[in-house]
PDB file of N, CA and C in Angstrom:
ATOM      1  N   MET A   1      29.461   8.729  45.814  1.00  0.00           N
ATOM      2  CA  MET A   1      27.983   9.749  45.326  1.00  0.00           C
ATOM      3  C   MET A   1      28.899  10.770  45.211  1.00  0.00           C
ATOM      4  N   ALA A   2      29.164  10.991  43.816  1.00  0.00           N
ATOM      5  CA  ALA A   2      29.645  12.767  43.586  1.00  0.00           C
ATOM      6  C   ALA A   2      29.099  13.951  43.427  1.00  0.00           C
ATOM      7  N   LEU A   3      29.768  14.851  44.301  1.00  0.00           N
ATOM      8  CA  LEU A   3      29.381  16.159  44.502  1.00  0.00           C
ATOM      9  C   LEU A   3      28.664  17.258  43.436  1.00  0.00           C
ATOM     10  N   SER A   4      27.617  17.563  44.224  1.00  0.00           N
ATOM     11  CA  SER A   4      26.700  18.690  42.461  1.00  0.00           C
ATOM     12  C   SER A   4      26.096  19.369  43.575  1.00  0.00           C
ATOM     13  N   ALA A   5      25.992  20.704  42.726  1.00  0.00           N
ATOM     14  CA  ALA A   5      25.603  21.815  43.694  1.00  0.00           C
ATOM     15  C   ALA A   5      24.724  22.758  42.810  1.00  0.00           C
ATOM     16  N   ARG A   6      23.456  22.937  43.443  1.00  0.00           N
ATOM     17  CA  ARG A   6      23.120  24.182  42.680  1.00  0.00           C
ATOM     18  C   ARG A   6      23.239  25.578  43.392  1.00  0.00           C
ATOM     19  N   VAL A   7      23.301  26.681  42.118  1.00  0.00           N
ATOM     20  CA  VAL A   7      23.795  27.486  42.755  1.00  0.00           C
ATOM     21  C   VAL A   7      22.725  28.627  41.980  1.00  0.00           C
ATOM     22  N   ARG A   8      22.685  29.859  42.927  1.00  0.00           N
ATOM     23  CA  ARG A   8      21.659  30.819  42.212  1.00  0.00           C
ATOM     24  C   ARG A   8      22.637  32.333  42.452  1.00  0.00           C
ATOM     25  N   LEU A   9      23.005  32.582  41.432  1.00  0.00           N
ATOM     26  CA  LEU A   9      23.143  33.928  41.812  1.00  0.00           C
ATOM     27  C   LEU A   9      22.941  34.845  40.800  1.00  0.00           C
ATOM     28  N   PRO A  10      22.756  36.138  40.600  1.00  0.00           N
ATOM     29  CA  PRO A  10      22.102  36.511  39.216  1.00  0.00           C
ATOM     30  C   PRO A  10      23.255  37.149  38.308  1.00  0.00           C
ATOM     31  N   GLU A  11      22.932  37.440  37.054  1.00  0.00           N
ATOM     32  CA  GLU A  11      23.257  37.408  35.802  1.00  0.00           C
ATOM     33  C   GLU A  11      24.126  38.746  35.946  1.00  0.00           C
ATOM     34  N   ARG A  12      23.292  40.036  36.709  1.00  0.00           N
ATOM     35  CA  ARG A  12      23.587  41.275  36.490  1.00  0.00           C
ATOM     36  C   ARG A  12      23.455  42.014  37.418  1.00  0.00           C
ATOM     37  N   ALA A  13      24.190  43.118  37.561  1.00  0.00           N
ATOM     38  CA  ALA A  13      24.080  44.126  38.698  1.00  0.00           C
ATOM     39  C   ALA A  13      24.585  45.562  38.564  1.00  0.00           C
ATOM     40  N   THR A  14      23.782  46.877  39.495  1.00  0.00           N
ATOM     41  CA  THR A  14      24.377  47.812  39.628  1.00  0.00           C
ATOM     42  C   THR A  14      25.157  48.039  40.263  1.00  0.00           C
ATOM     43  N   ARG A  15      26.400  48.562  39.932  1.00  0.00           N
ATOM     44  CA  ARG A  15      27.316  48.807  40.914  1.00  0.00           C
ATOM     45  C   ARG A  15      27.225  49.565  41.878  1.00  0.00           C
ATOM     46  N   GLY A  16      27.456  49.195  43.185  1.00  0.00           N
ATOM     47  CA  GLY A  16      26.951  48.756  44.488  1.00  0.00           C
ATOM     48  C   GLY A  16      25.612  48.383  44.857  1.00  0.00           C
ATOM     49  N   GLU A  17      25.195  47.263  44.140  1.00  0.00           N
ATOM     50  CA  GLU A  17      24.177  46.766  44.615  1.00  0.00           C
ATOM     51  C   GLU A  17      24.670  45.762  45.036  1.00  0.00           C
ATOM     52  N   VAL A  18      23.812  45.232  46.297  1.00  0.00           N
ATOM     53  CA  VAL A  18      24.283  44.248  47.605  1.00  0.00           C
ATOM     54  C   VAL A  18      23.307  42.554  46.702  1.00  0.00           C
ATOM     55  N   VAL A  19      24.048  41.917  45.908  1.00  0.00           N
ATOM     56  CA  VAL A  19      23.647  41.010  46.097  1.00  0.00           C
ATOM     57  C   VAL A  19      24.021  39.692  46.452  1.00  0.00           C
ATOM     58  N   GLU A  20      22.910  38.583  46.592  1.00  0.00           N
ATOM     59  CA  GLU A  20      22.790  37.599  47.102  1.00  0.00           C
ATOM     60  C   GLU A  20      23.234  36.722  46.286  1.00  0.00           C
ATOM     61  N   ILE A  21      24.116  35.335  47.231  1.00  0.00           N
ATOM     62  CA  ILE A  21      24.451  34.232  46.257  1.00  0.00           C
ATOM     63  C   ILE A  21      23.997  33.015  47.235  1.00  0.00           C
ATOM     64  N   ARG A  22      23.427  32.252  46.740  1.00  0.00           N
ATOM     65  CA  ARG A  22      22.851  31.195  47.033  1.00  0.00           C
ATOM     66  C   ARG A  22      23.248  29.572  46.622  1.00  0.00           C
ATOM     67  N   SER A  23      23.492  28.629  47.510  1.00  0.00           N
ATOM     68  CA  SER A  23      23.880  27.702  47.139  1.00  0.00           C
ATOM     69  C   SER A  23      23.541  26.154  47.621  1.00  0.00           C
ATOM     70  N   LEU A  24      23.497  24.774  47.069  1.00  0.00           N
ATOM     71  CA  LEU A  24      23.070  24.032  48.034  1.00  0.00           C
ATOM     72  C   LEU A  24      23.583  22.907  48.015  1.00  0.00           C
ATOM     73  N   VAL A  25      24.641  22.211  48.304  1.00  0.00           N
ATOM     74  CA  VAL A  25      24.945  21.249  47.666  1.00  0.00           C
ATOM     75  C   VAL A  25      24.565  19.015  48.202  1.00  0.00           C
ATOM     76  N   SER A  26      24.902  18.961  47.004  1.00  0.00           N
ATOM     77  CA  SER A  26      24.318  16.934  46.866  1.00  0.00           C
ATOM     78  C   SER A  26      25.496  16.851  48.214  1.00  0.00           C
ATOM     79  N   HIS A  27      25.650  16.156  49.032  1.00  0.00           N
ATOM     80  CA  HIS A  27      26.586  15.556  50.102  1.00  0.00           C
ATOM     81  C   HIS A  27      26.095  15.082  50.993  1.00  0.00           C
ATOM     82  N   PRO A  28      26.604  13.668  51.679  1.00  0.00           N
ATOM     83  CA  PRO A  28      25.665  12.685  52.506  1.00  0.00           C
ATOM     84  C   PRO A  28      26.513  13.495  53.882  1.00  0.00           C
ATOM     85  N   MET A  29      27.688  14.156  53.948  1.00  0.00           N
ATOM     86  CA  MET A  29      28.497  14.744  55.310  1.00  0.00           C
ATOM     87  C   MET A  29      28.126  13.197  56.342  1.00  0.00           C
ATOM     88  N   GLU A  30      29.104  12.599  56.360  1.00  0.00           N
ATOM     89  CA  GLU A  30      29.052  11.168  57.657  1.00  0.00           C
ATOM     90  C   GLU A  30      30.089  11.767  58.791  1.00  0.00           C
ATOM     91  N   THR A  31      29.846  11.932  59.804  1.00  0.00           N
ATOM     92  CA  THR A  31      30.607  12.391  60.466  1.00  0.00           C
ATOM     93  C   THR A  31      31.516  11.319  61.292  1.00  0.00           C
ATOM     94  N   GLY A  32      31.364  10.117  60.608  1.00  0.00           N
ATOM     95  CA  GLY A  32      32.471   9.595  61.415  1.00  0.00           C
ATOM     96  C   GLY A  32      32.167   8.609  62.662  1.00  0.00           C
ATOM     97  N   PHE A  33      31.263   9.086  63.192  1.00  0.00           N
ATOM     98  CA  PHE A  33      30.898   8.508  64.385  1.00  0.00           C
ATOM     99  C   PHE A  33      29.635   7.214  64.645  1.00  0.00           C
ATOM    100  N   ARG A  34      29.010   7.016  63.483  1.00  0.00           N
ATOM    101  CA  ARG A  34      27.776   5.970  62.715  1.00  0.00           C
ATOM    102  C   ARG A  34      28.584   5.077  62.687  1.00  0.00           C
ATOM    103  N   VAL A  35      27.202   3.598  62.823  1.00  0.00           N
ATOM    104  CA  VAL A  35      28.068   2.490  62.822  1.00  0.00           C
ATOM    105  C   VAL A  35      26.644   1.537  61.715  1.00  0.00           C
ATOM    106  N   ASP A  36      27.723   0.906  61.344  1.00  0.00           N
ATOM    107  CA  ASP A  36      26.491   0.353  60.560  1.00  0.00           C
ATOM    108  C   ASP A  36      25.858  -0.883  60.439  1.00  0.00           C
ATOM    109  N   SER A  37      25.015  -1.555  59.907  1.00  0.00           N
ATOM    110  CA  SER A  37      24.208  -2.817  61.054  1.00  0.00           C
ATOM    111  C   SER A  37      25.001  -3.565  61.427  1.00  0.00           C
ATOM    112  N   PHE A  38      26.431  -4.123  60.175  1.00  0.00           N
ATOM    113  CA  PHE A  38      27.116  -4.864  61.451  1.00  0.00           C
ATOM    114  C   PHE A  38      27.956  -4.512  62.306  1.00  0.00           C
ATOM    115  N   GLY A  39      27.952  -3.346  62.722  1.00  0.00           N
ATOM    116  CA  GLY A  39      29.177  -2.762  63.903  1.00  0.00           C
ATOM    117  C   GLY A  39      29.785  -1.821  63.666  1.00  0.00           C
ATOM    118  N   ARG A  40      30.475  -1.993  62.433  1.00  0.00           N
ATOM    119  CA  ARG A  40      31.356  -1.329  61.537  1.00  0.00           C
ATOM    120  C   ARG A  40      31.167   0.226  62.027  1.00  0.00           C
ATOM    121  N   ARG A  41      32.294   1.158  61.778  1.00  0.00           N
ATOM    122  CA  ARG A  41      31.993   2.457  61.716  1.00  0.00           C
ATOM    123  C   ARG A  41      32.282   2.917  60.393  1.00  0.00           C
ATOM    124  N   VAL A  42      31.044   3.531  60.285  1.00  0.00           N
ATOM    125  CA  VAL A  42      30.774   4.291  58.896  1.00  0.00           C
ATOM    126  C   VAL A  42      32.144   5.481  58.442  1.00  0.00           C
ATOM    127  N   PRO A  43      32.933   5.368  57.523  1.00  0.00           N
ATOM    128  CA  PRO A  43      33.598   6.442  57.628  1.00  0.00           C
ATOM    129  C   PRO A  43      33.506   7.997  57.337  1.00  0.00           C
ATOM    130  N   ARG A  44      34.160   8.868  57.876  1.00  0.00           N
ATOM    131  CA  ARG A  44      33.747  10.236  57.939  1.00  0.00           C
ATOM    132  C   ARG A  44      33.863  10.546  56.851  1.00  0.00           C
ATOM    133  N   ARG A  45      33.100  11.185  56.174  1.00  0.00           N
ATOM    134  CA  ARG A  45      33.257  12.027  55.235  1.00  0.00           C
ATOM    135  C   ARG A  45      32.195  13.331  54.850  1.00  0.00           C
ATOM    136  N   ILE A  46      32.861  14.558  55.152  1.00  0.00           N
ATOM    137  CA  ILE A  46      32.440  15.662  55.214  1.00  0.00           C
ATOM    138  C   ILE A  46      32.997  16.384  54.243  1.00  0.00           C
ATOM    139  N   LEU A  47      32.375  17.482  54.121  1.00  0.00           N
ATOM    140  CA  LEU A  47      33.021  18.979  53.257  1.00  0.00           C
ATOM    141  C   LEU A  47      33.627  20.033  54.194  1.00  0.00           C
ATOM    142  N   VAL A  48      35.251  20.108  54.413  1.00  0.00           N
ATOM    143  CA  VAL A  48      36.051  20.985  55.134  1.00  0.00           C
ATOM    144  C   VAL A  48      35.949  22.708  54.872  1.00  0.00           C
ATOM    145  N   ARG A  49      35.551  22.462  53.706  1.00  0.00           N
ATOM    146  CA  ARG A  49      36.106  24.017  53.807  1.00  0.00           C
ATOM    147  C   ARG A  49      34.729  24.470  52.494  1.00  0.00           C
ATOM    148  N   PHE A  50      34.939  25.832  51.932  1.00  0.00           N
ATOM    149  CA  PHE A  50      34.168  26.462  51.025  1.00  0.00           C
ATOM    150  C   PHE A  50      34.191  27.947  51.359  1.00  0.00           C
ATOM    151  N   SER A  51      34.602  28.137  49.928  1.00  0.00           N
ATOM    152  CA  SER A  51      35.528  29.671  49.716  1.00  0.00           C
ATOM    153  C   SER A  51      34.720  30.126  48.152  1.00  0.00           C
ATOM    154  N   VAL A  52      34.754  31.022  48.288  1.00  0.00           N
ATOM    155  CA  VAL A  52      33.783  31.754  47.189  1.00  0.00           C
ATOM    156  C   VAL A  52      35.510  33.316  46.395  1.00  0.00           C
ATOM    157  N   ARG A  53      35.310  33.305  45.372  1.00  0.00           N
ATOM    158  CA  ARG A  53      36.503  34.100  44.953  1.00  0.00           C
ATOM    159  C   ARG A  53      34.997  34.897  43.803  1.00  0.00           C
ATOM    160  N   TYR A  54      35.200  36.333  43.081  1.00  0.00           N
ATOM    161  CA  TYR A  54      34.591  37.100  43.074  1.00  0.00           C
ATOM    162  C   TYR A  54      35.525  38.493  42.409  1.00  0.00           C
ATOM    163  N   ALA A  55      35.620  37.797  40.934  1.00  0.00           N
ATOM    164  CA  ALA A  55      36.363  38.841  40.134  1.00  0.00           C
ATOM    165  C   ALA A  55      38.483  38.552  40.794  1.00  0.00           C
ATOM    166  N   GLY A  56      38.736  37.535  41.039  1.00  0.00           N
ATOM    167  CA  GLY A  56      39.883  36.845  41.418  1.00  0.00           C
ATOM    168  C   GLY A  56      40.303  37.082  42.739  1.00  0.00           C
ATOM    169  N   ARG A  57      39.164  38.070  44.027  1.00  0.00           N
ATOM    170  CA  ARG A  57      39.186  38.176  44.771  1.00  0.00           C
ATOM    171  C   ARG A  57      38.493  37.086  46.278  1.00  0.00           C
ATOM    172  N   LEU A  58      39.283  36.909  47.072  1.00  0.00           N
ATOM    173  CA  LEU A  58      38.511  35.828  47.979  1.00  0.00           C
ATOM    174  C   LEU A  58      37.657  36.717  48.404  1.00  0.00           C
ATOM    175  N   ILE A  59      36.208  36.417  48.967  1.00  0.00           N
ATOM    176  CA  ILE A  59      35.123  37.078  49.539  1.00  0.00           C
ATOM    177  C   ILE A  59      34.524  36.621  50.097  1.00  0.00           C
ATOM    178  N   ALA A  60      34.818  34.684  50.327  1.00  0.00           N
ATOM    179  CA  ALA A  60      33.998  34.414  51.813  1.00  0.00           C
ATOM    180  C   ALA A  60      34.974  33.130  51.688  1.00  0.00           C
ATOM    181  N   GLU A  61      35.044  32.478  53.023  1.00  0.00           N
ATOM    182  CA  GLU A  61      35.663  31.717  53.528  1.00  0.00           C
ATOM    183  C   GLU A  61      34.851  30.875  54.657  1.00  0.00           C
ATOM    184  N   MET A  62      34.472  29.574  54.442  1.00  0.00           N
ATOM    185  CA  MET A  62      33.947  28.966  55.818  1.00  0.00           C
ATOM    186  C   MET A  62      34.635  27.450  56.037  1.00  0.00           C
ATOM    187  N   ASP A  63      35.140  27.555  57.282  1.00  0.00           N
ATOM    188  CA  ASP A  63      35.669  26.013  57.423  1.00  0.00           C
ATOM    189  C   ASP A  63      34.800  25.239  57.598  1.00  0.00           C
ATOM    190  N   LEU A  64      34.152  23.919  57.747  1.00  0.00           N
ATOM    191  CA  LEU A  64      33.158  23.335  57.676  1.00  0.00           C
ATOM    192  C   LEU A  64      33.764  22.194  58.899  1.00  0.00           C
ATOM    193  N   ARG A  65      32.976  22.014  59.758  1.00  0.00           N
ATOM    194  CA  ARG A  65      32.920  20.222  60.685  1.00  0.00           C
ATOM    195  C   ARG A  65      32.339  19.795  60.513  1.00  0.00           C
ATOM    196  N   PRO A  66      31.976  18.309  61.234  1.00  0.00           N
ATOM    197  CA  PRO A  66      30.933  17.530  61.291  1.00  0.00           C
ATOM    198  C   PRO A  66      29.719  17.830  61.910  1.00  0.00           C
ATOM    199  N   GLY A  67      30.010  18.613  62.479  1.00  0.00           N
ATOM    200  CA  GLY A  67      27.982  18.817  62.953  1.00  0.00           C
ATOM    201  C   GLY A  67      27.122  19.977  61.773  1.00  0.00           C
ATOM    202  N   ILE A  68      27.778  20.362  60.440  1.00  0.00           N
ATOM    203  CA  ILE A  68      27.299  20.183  59.873  1.00  0.00           C
ATOM    204  C   ILE A  68      26.281  19.430  59.019  1.00  0.00           C
ATOM    205  N   ALA A  69      25.307  19.899  58.544  1.00  0.00           N
ATOM    206  CA  ALA A  69      24.221  18.673  57.748  1.00  0.00           C
ATOM    207  C   ALA A  69      24.327  18.460  56.494  1.00  0.00           C
ATOM    208  N   ALA A  70      23.782  17.119  55.872  1.00  0.00           N
ATOM    209  CA  ALA A  70      23.882  16.664  54.760  1.00  0.00           C
ATOM    210  C   ALA A  70      23.285  17.718  54.076  1.00  0.00           C
ATOM    211  N   ASN A  71      23.806  17.825  53.091  1.00  0.00           N
ATOM    212  CA  ASN A  71      23.227  18.555  52.006  1.00  0.00           C
ATOM    213  C   ASN A  71      23.333  20.373  52.597  1.00  0.00           C
ATOM    214  N   PRO A  72      24.894  20.710  52.707  1.00  0.00           N
ATOM    215  CA  PRO A  72      24.459  22.325  53.409  1.00  0.00           C
ATOM    216  C   PRO A  72      24.070  23.524  52.515  1.00  0.00           C
ATOM    217  N   TYR A  73      23.785  24.314  53.131  1.00  0.00           N
ATOM    218  CA  TYR A  73      22.940  25.232  52.155  1.00  0.00           C
ATOM    219  C   TYR A  73      23.174  26.395  52.613  1.00  0.00           C
ATOM    220  N   VAL A  74      24.370  26.895  51.819  1.00  0.00           N
ATOM    221  CA  VAL A  74      24.188  28.979  52.287  1.00  0.00           C
ATOM    222  C   VAL A  74      24.386  29.320  51.282  1.00  0.00           C
ATOM    223  N   ALA A  75      23.893  31.011  52.269  1.00  0.00           N
ATOM    224  CA  ALA A  75      23.479  31.787  51.226  1.00  0.00           C
ATOM    225  C   ALA A  75      24.391  32.868  52.212  1.00  0.00           C
ATOM    226  N   PHE A  76      24.768  34.012  51.124  1.00  0.00           N
ATOM    227  CA  PHE A  76      25.492  34.881  51.386  1.00  0.00           C
ATOM    228  C   PHE A  76      25.501  36.600  50.342  1.00  0.00           C
ATOM    229  N   ARG A  77      25.966  37.557  50.639  1.00  0.00           N
ATOM    230  CA  ARG A  77      25.577  39.149  50.317  1.00  0.00           C
ATOM    231  C   ARG A  77      26.916  39.490  50.388  1.00  0.00           C
ATOM    232  N   PHE A  78      27.056  40.510  49.046  1.00  0.00           N
ATOM    233  CA  PHE A  78      28.155  40.868  48.953  1.00  0.00           C
ATOM    234  C   PHE A  78      27.826  41.952  47.919  1.00  0.00           C
ATOM    235  N   VAL A  79      28.733  43.048  48.442  1.00  0.00           N
ATOM    236  CA  VAL A  79      28.701  44.005  46.818  1.00  0.00           C
ATOM    237  C   VAL A  79      29.212  44.406  45.667  1.00  0.00           C
ATOM    238  N   ALA A  80      28.359  44.341  44.709  1.00  0.00           N
ATOM    239  CA  ALA A  80      28.835  44.517  43.825  1.00  0.00           C
ATOM    240  C   ALA A  80      29.886  45.711  42.891  1.00  0.00           C
ATOM    241  N   ASP A  81      30.708  45.433  42.599  1.00  0.00           N
ATOM    242  CA  ASP A  81      31.437  46.868  42.586  1.00  0.00           C
ATOM    243  C   ASP A  81      32.462  46.243  41.188  1.00  0.00           C
ATOM    244  N   ARG A  82      32.172  45.611  40.796  1.00  0.00           N
ATOM    245  CA  ARG A  82      32.860  44.865  39.315  1.00  0.00           C
ATOM    246  C   ARG A  82      32.645  43.532  38.665  1.00  0.00           C
ATOM    247  N   SER A  83      32.163  43.711  37.360  1.00  0.00           N
ATOM    248  CA  SER A  83      32.059  42.180  36.258  1.00  0.00           C
ATOM    249  C   SER A  83      33.478  41.937  36.764  1.00  0.00           C
ATOM    250  N   GLY A  84      32.852  40.201  36.556  1.00  0.00           N
ATOM    251  CA  GLY A  84      34.059  39.424  36.539  1.00  0.00           C
ATOM    252  C   GLY A  84      33.108  37.931  37.330  1.00  0.00           C
ATOM    253  N   GLU A  85      34.170  36.989  37.304  1.00  0.00           N
ATOM    254  CA  GLU A  85      33.726  35.459  37.519  1.00  0.00           C
ATOM    255  C   GLU A  85      33.596  35.484  38.926  1.00  0.00           C
ATOM    256  N   LEU A  86      32.266  34.832  39.228  1.00  0.00           N
ATOM    257  CA  LEU A  86      32.226  34.319  40.765  1.00  0.00           C
ATOM    258  C   LEU A  86      32.735  32.114  40.992  1.00  0.00           C
ATOM    259  N   GLU A  87      33.569  32.266  41.686  1.00  0.00           N
ATOM    260  CA  GLU A  87      33.856  30.791  41.749  1.00  0.00           C
ATOM    261  C   GLU A  87      33.800  30.460  43.355  1.00  0.00           C
ATOM    262  N   LEU A  88      32.858  29.232  43.230  1.00  0.00           N
ATOM    263  CA  LEU A  88      32.513  28.322  44.346  1.00  0.00           C
ATOM    264  C   LEU A  88      33.185  27.157  44.128  1.00  0.00           C
ATOM    265  N   ARG A  89      33.618  27.012  45.600  1.00  0.00           N
ATOM    266  CA  ARG A  89      35.083  25.724  45.865  1.00  0.00           C
ATOM    267  C   ARG A  89      34.628  25.291  46.879  1.00  0.00           C
ATOM    268  N   TRP A  90      34.189  23.709  47.395  1.00  0.00           N
ATOM    269  CA  TRP A  90      33.521  22.946  47.965  1.00  0.00           C
ATOM    270  C   TRP A  90      35.118  21.960  47.919  1.00  0.00           C
ATOM    271  N   GLN A  91      36.136  21.871  49.370  1.00  0.00           N
ATOM    272  CA  GLN A  91      36.530  20.610  49.413  1.00  0.00           C
ATOM    273  C   GLN A  91      36.251  19.920  50.388  1.00  0.00           C
ATOM    274  N   GLY A  92      36.128  18.199  50.165  1.00  0.00           N
ATOM    275  CA  GLY A  92      35.844  17.679  50.968  1.00  0.00           C
ATOM    276  C   GLY A  92      37.395  17.029  51.778  1.00  0.00           C
ATOM    277  N   ASP A  93      37.149  16.045  53.039  1.00  0.00           N
ATOM    278  CA  ASP A  93      38.070  15.802  53.791  1.00  0.00           C
ATOM    279  C   ASP A  93      38.784  14.281  52.877  1.00  0.00           C
ATOM    280  N   ASP A  94      37.544  13.753  51.879  1.00  0.00           N
ATOM    281  CA  ASP A  94      38.744  12.759  50.990  1.00  0.00           C
ATOM    282  C   ASP A  94      39.594  13.312  49.881  1.00  0.00           C
ATOM    283  N   GLY A  95      39.815  14.264  49.606  1.00  0.00           N
ATOM    284  CA  GLY A  95      40.427  15.320  48.316  1.00  0.00           C
ATOM    285  C   GLY A  95      39.533  15.838  47.662  1.00  0.00           C
ATOM    286  N   GLU A  96      37.939  15.294  47.416  1.00  0.00           N
ATOM    287  CA  GLU A  96      37.307  15.683  46.582  1.00  0.00           C
ATOM    288  C   GLU A  96      36.774  17.208  46.539  1.00  0.00           C
ATOM    289  N   GLU A  97      36.691  17.711  45.609  1.00  0.00           N
ATOM    290  CA  GLU A  97      36.554  18.750  45.010  1.00  0.00           C
ATOM    291  C   GLU A  97      35.275  19.081  43.817  1.00  0.00           C
ATOM    292  N   LEU A  98      34.713  20.266  44.413  1.00  0.00           N
ATOM    293  CA  LEU A  98      33.503  20.443  43.542  1.00  0.00           C
ATOM    294  C   LEU A  98      33.764  22.185  42.799  1.00  0.00           C
ATOM    295  N   ILE A  99      33.839  22.664  42.019  1.00  0.00           N
ATOM    296  CA  ILE A  99      33.986  24.422  41.455  1.00  0.00           C
ATOM    297  C   ILE A  99      32.929  24.855  40.681  1.00  0.00           C
ATOM    298  N   GLU A 100      32.197  25.854  41.014  1.00  0.00           N
ATOM    299  CA  GLU A 100      31.056  25.911  40.388  1.00  0.00           C
ATOM    300  C   GLU A 100      31.684  27.277  39.880  1.00  0.00           C
ATOM    301  N   ARG A 101      31.040  27.967  38.728  1.00  0.00           N
ATOM    302  CA  ARG A 101      31.573  28.962  38.160  1.00  0.00           C
ATOM    303  C   ARG A 101      30.117  29.868  37.150  1.00  0.00           C
ATOM    304  N   GLY A 102      30.434  31.218  37.806  1.00  0.00           N
ATOM    305  CA  GLY A 102      29.319  32.195  37.180  1.00  0.00           C
ATOM    306  C   GLY A 102      29.860  33.325  36.646  1.00  0.00           C
ATOM    307  N   GLN A 103      29.074  33.824  36.071  1.00  0.00           N
ATOM    308  CA  GLN A 103      29.453  35.546  35.674  1.00  0.00           C
ATOM    309  C   GLN A 103      28.655  36.861  35.740  1.00  0.00           C
ATOM    310  N   LEU A 104      29.370  37.480  36.517  1.00  0.00           N
ATOM    311  CA  LEU A 104      28.393  38.746  36.839  1.00  0.00           C
ATOM    312  C   LEU A 104      28.872  39.851  36.469  1.00  0.00           C
ATOM    313  N   GLU A 105      27.793  40.230  35.295  1.00  0.00           N
ATOM    314  CA  GLU A 105      27.871  41.640  34.693  1.00  0.00           C
ATOM    315  C   GLU A 105      27.662  43.260  35.509  1.00  0.00           C
ATOM    316  N   VAL A 106      28.281  43.487  35.613  1.00  0.00           N
ATOM    317  CA  VAL A 106      28.195  44.833  36.480  1.00  0.00           C
ATOM    318  C   VAL A 106      28.087  46.376  35.858  1.00  0.00           C
ATOM    319  N   SER A 107      26.770  47.146  36.088  1.00  0.00           N
ATOM    320  CA  SER A 107      26.790  48.245  34.955  1.00  0.00           C
ATOM    321  C   SER A 107      26.865  49.478  36.034  1.00  0.00           C
ATOM    322  N   ASP A 108      26.858  50.640  35.314  1.00  0.00           N
ATOM    323  CA  ASP A 108      26.880  52.019  36.103  1.00  0.00           C
ATOM    324  C   ASP A 108      25.753  52.125  36.475  1.00  0.00           C
ATOM    325  N   PRO A 109      25.369  52.883  37.635  1.00  0.00           N
ATOM    326  CA  PRO A 109      23.561  52.860  37.900  1.00  0.00           C
ATOM    327  C   PRO A 109      23.434  54.198  36.728  1.00  0.00           C
TER     328      PRO A 109
END
């Protein structure tokens, strides 16, 4: 299953405005503790890191653990202080990676 994400972020903001980013990632998040119908352990497959860069600066970073639900939803807020690219990056324990990008245009009040 390939990683995919739905990301919601504003295209424009006023300098100093608090903006919200919301993301939902399609990922099964197997803990490695379950067994299949043949009694074999289902291999662990989880997202282990989520990070966000805004205009080249790291503004959010999370280490994820097996207790995170399948298809994790993450929402957070930050202060828009300049125009720039937002880069959301998810990394899996098996080397998979998903990067979503968006542009935020910030104007003066």
